[in-house]
Amino acid sequence: MSEHHAQVEWRRQPAEAFTDQRYSRLHALRFDGGAEIAASASPGVVPLPYSNASAVDPEELFVASLASCHMLWFLSLAASAGWRVDSYLDDAVGTMGRDEHGRPFLTTVTLRPRVRLAGDAVPEAARLAVLHHRAHEACFIANSVKTAVRVEPQP
């Protein structure tokens, strides 16, 4: 199989004591292709100013990872079926809850893909739903998590 690498870097600011929990959670995520993303704890988990609302948080990355994987599989399957996709927009949302031990986790991620097709071979909604189901079954990320992943195609 393959390996996938990400680099996470955080540095304490000189004025921060650290042991008092009053330190910045802002850090950098770097990927092998050269992309870099500013990341932080969610302000819902770590209050401002110790988190950074303009940076992406791990929960958002998790939701985006599931949504991106599903989209990539859907596009591939649609192309193989001869359907031309003009656009794909997903307003995905993750919901936090607690497991049987009281630990917080993302209990559900709901994907809401809105797909626009072009050409004469536009399939009906039922055929699109089957394609979304197949994309979900093929998604490596969805196959790797215990979170319930729902796919709710939007008109």
Protein backbone atom coordinates (compact mmCIF):
# COMPACT_ATOMS: atom_id res chain seq x y z
CA MET A 1 0.00 0.00 0.00
CA SER A 2 1.14 3.60 0.37
CA GLU A 3 2.28 5.98 3.08
CA HIS A 4 0.99 9.49 3.57
CA HIS A 5 2.98 12.08 5.48
CA ALA A 6 2.11 15.28 7.29
CA GLN A 7 4.34 17.47 9.39
CA VAL A 8 2.94 19.23 12.45
CA GLU A 9 5.02 22.00 14.01
CA TRP A 10 4.33 24.07 17.13
CA ARG A 11 6.70 26.29 19.08
CA ARG A 12 6.19 27.90 22.44
CA GLN A 13 6.43 31.69 22.39
CA PRO A 14 9.16 32.99 24.74
CA ALA A 15 6.68 34.95 26.89
CA GLU A 16 4.47 31.89 27.48
CA ALA A 17 4.97 29.94 30.71
CA PHE A 18 3.23 26.89 29.16
CA THR A 19 2.63 24.97 32.40
CA ASP A 20 -0.26 27.31 33.28
CA GLN A 21 -2.16 26.18 30.11
CA ARG A 22 -2.02 29.76 28.80
CA TYR A 23 -0.19 29.22 25.53
CA SER A 24 -1.08 29.57 21.88
CA ARG A 25 -2.38 26.46 20.15
CA LEU A 26 -1.57 27.91 16.71
CA HIS A 27 0.63 25.56 14.71
CA ALA A 28 1.56 24.70 11.13
CA LEU A 29 0.55 21.65 9.11
CA ARG A 30 2.82 20.88 6.16
CA PHE A 31 2.28 18.34 3.43
CA ASP A 32 4.68 16.65 1.02
CA GLY A 33 3.40 18.60 -1.99
CA GLY A 34 4.36 21.90 -0.35
CA ALA A 35 0.98 22.99 1.02
CA GLU A 36 1.00 24.58 4.45
CA ILE A 37 -2.05 25.27 6.58
CA ALA A 38 -2.37 27.31 9.75
CA ALA A 39 -4.04 25.12 12.37
CA SER A 40 -5.23 25.56 15.94
CA ALA A 41 -7.44 24.02 18.55
CA SER A 42 -11.10 24.87 18.02
CA PRO A 43 -12.29 27.91 19.97
CA GLY A 44 -15.08 25.61 21.13
CA VAL A 45 -12.47 23.45 22.87
CA VAL A 46 -9.78 25.95 23.86
CA PRO A 47 -11.01 29.51 24.48
CA LEU A 48 -9.63 32.56 22.72
CA PRO A 49 -6.96 33.94 22.79
CA TYR A 50 -5.24 30.55 23.21
CA SER A 51 -6.89 29.20 20.07
CA ASN A 52 -7.10 30.93 16.72
CA ALA A 53 -10.52 31.07 15.05
CA SER A 54 -9.04 31.90 11.63
CA ALA A 55 -7.02 28.67 11.54
CA VAL A 56 -8.39 25.24 10.70
CA ASP A 57 -8.98 22.93 13.65
CA PRO A 58 -8.58 19.12 13.78
CA GLU A 59 -12.34 18.55 13.78
CA GLU A 60 -12.75 20.63 10.61
CA LEU A 61 -9.87 18.75 8.99
CA PHE A 62 -11.55 15.45 9.83
CA VAL A 63 -14.85 16.55 8.29
CA ALA A 64 -13.06 17.97 5.24
CA SER A 65 -11.05 14.76 4.82
CA LEU A 66 -14.21 12.65 4.70
CA ALA A 67 -15.94 15.09 2.33
CA SER A 68 -12.92 15.33 0.03
CA CYS A 69 -12.44 11.55 -0.14
CA HIS A 70 -16.13 11.02 -0.95
CA MET A 71 -16.04 13.70 -3.65
CA LEU A 72 -12.94 12.27 -5.31
CA TRP A 73 -14.50 8.81 -5.47
CA PHE A 74 -17.82 10.19 -6.70
CA LEU A 75 -16.11 12.16 -9.49
CA SER A 76 -14.12 9.11 -10.58
CA LEU A 77 -17.19 6.87 -10.61
CA ALA A 78 -19.27 9.48 -12.45
CA ALA A 79 -16.59 9.86 -15.11
CA SER A 80 -16.41 6.08 -15.52
CA ALA A 81 -20.19 6.00 -15.96
CA GLY A 82 -19.92 8.62 -18.71
CA TRP A 83 -21.56 11.41 -16.70
CA ARG A 84 -20.00 14.85 -17.03
CA VAL A 85 -19.90 16.67 -13.70
CA ASP A 86 -19.77 20.46 -13.96
CA SER A 87 -19.62 21.22 -10.25
CA TYR A 88 -19.64 19.58 -6.84
CA LEU A 89 -20.26 21.47 -3.59
CA ASP A 90 -20.51 19.82 -0.19
CA ASP A 91 -21.55 21.69 2.96
CA ALA A 92 -20.40 18.91 5.28
CA VAL A 93 -20.92 19.07 9.04
CA GLY A 94 -19.50 17.09 11.93
CA THR A 95 -21.38 16.64 15.20
CA MET A 96 -19.55 16.13 18.49
CA GLY A 97 -20.90 13.79 21.13
CA ARG A 98 -19.60 11.33 23.70
CA ASP A 99 -18.87 7.63 23.47
CA GLU A 100 -19.93 4.96 25.99
CA HIS A 101 -17.01 5.98 28.23
CA GLY A 102 -17.91 9.67 28.18
CA ARG A 103 -15.06 10.62 25.85
CA PRO A 104 -15.82 13.29 23.24
CA PHE A 105 -15.66 12.31 19.57
CA LEU A 106 -17.22 13.24 16.27
CA THR A 107 -20.25 10.97 16.39
CA THR A 108 -21.59 11.84 12.97
CA VAL A 109 -20.36 13.50 9.83
CA THR A 110 -23.06 14.43 7.35
CA LEU A 111 -22.04 15.02 3.76
CA ARG A 112 -24.45 17.14 1.73
CA PRO A 113 -23.09 17.00 -1.82
CA ARG A 114 -24.74 19.18 -4.41
CA VAL A 115 -23.76 17.88 -7.84
CA ARG A 116 -24.39 19.63 -11.14
CA LEU A 117 -24.23 17.47 -14.26
CA ALA A 118 -24.14 18.50 -17.90
CA GLY A 119 -24.94 16.87 -21.19
CA ASP A 120 -27.71 14.59 -22.39
CA ALA A 121 -26.84 11.65 -20.14
CA VAL A 122 -27.98 13.20 -16.83
CA PRO A 123 -29.09 10.33 -14.57
CA GLU A 124 -32.13 10.43 -12.30
CA ALA A 125 -31.75 10.95 -8.54
CA ALA A 126 -31.92 7.22 -7.75
CA ARG A 127 -28.92 6.48 -9.96
CA LEU A 128 -26.99 9.35 -8.39
CA ALA A 129 -27.81 7.97 -4.93
CA VAL A 130 -26.35 4.60 -5.94
CA LEU A 131 -23.20 6.37 -7.12
CA HIS A 132 -22.94 8.22 -3.80
CA HIS A 133 -23.35 4.90 -1.98
CA ARG A 134 -20.58 3.35 -4.05
CA ALA A 135 -18.33 6.37 -3.43
CA HIS A 136 -18.94 6.07 0.30
CA GLU A 137 -18.08 2.36 0.29
CA ALA A 138 -14.85 3.07 -1.63
CA CYS A 139 -13.69 6.03 0.48
CA PHE A 140 -10.51 5.10 2.38
CA ILE A 141 -11.18 7.67 5.08
CA ALA A 142 -14.77 6.57 5.73
CA ASN A 143 -13.52 2.98 5.95
CA SER A 144 -11.00 4.07 8.60
CA VAL A 145 -13.27 5.62 11.23
CA LYS A 146 -15.94 4.66 13.76
CA THR A 147 -17.85 7.90 13.16
CA ALA A 148 -21.16 7.43 11.39
CA VAL A 149 -20.86 9.04 7.97
CA ARG A 150 -24.14 10.00 6.32
CA VAL A 151 -24.46 11.04 2.71
CA GLU A 152 -27.45 13.27 1.94
CA PRO A 153 -27.28 14.38 -1.69
CA GLN A 154 -28.88 17.80 -2.20
CA PRO A 155 -30.88 18.94 -5.21
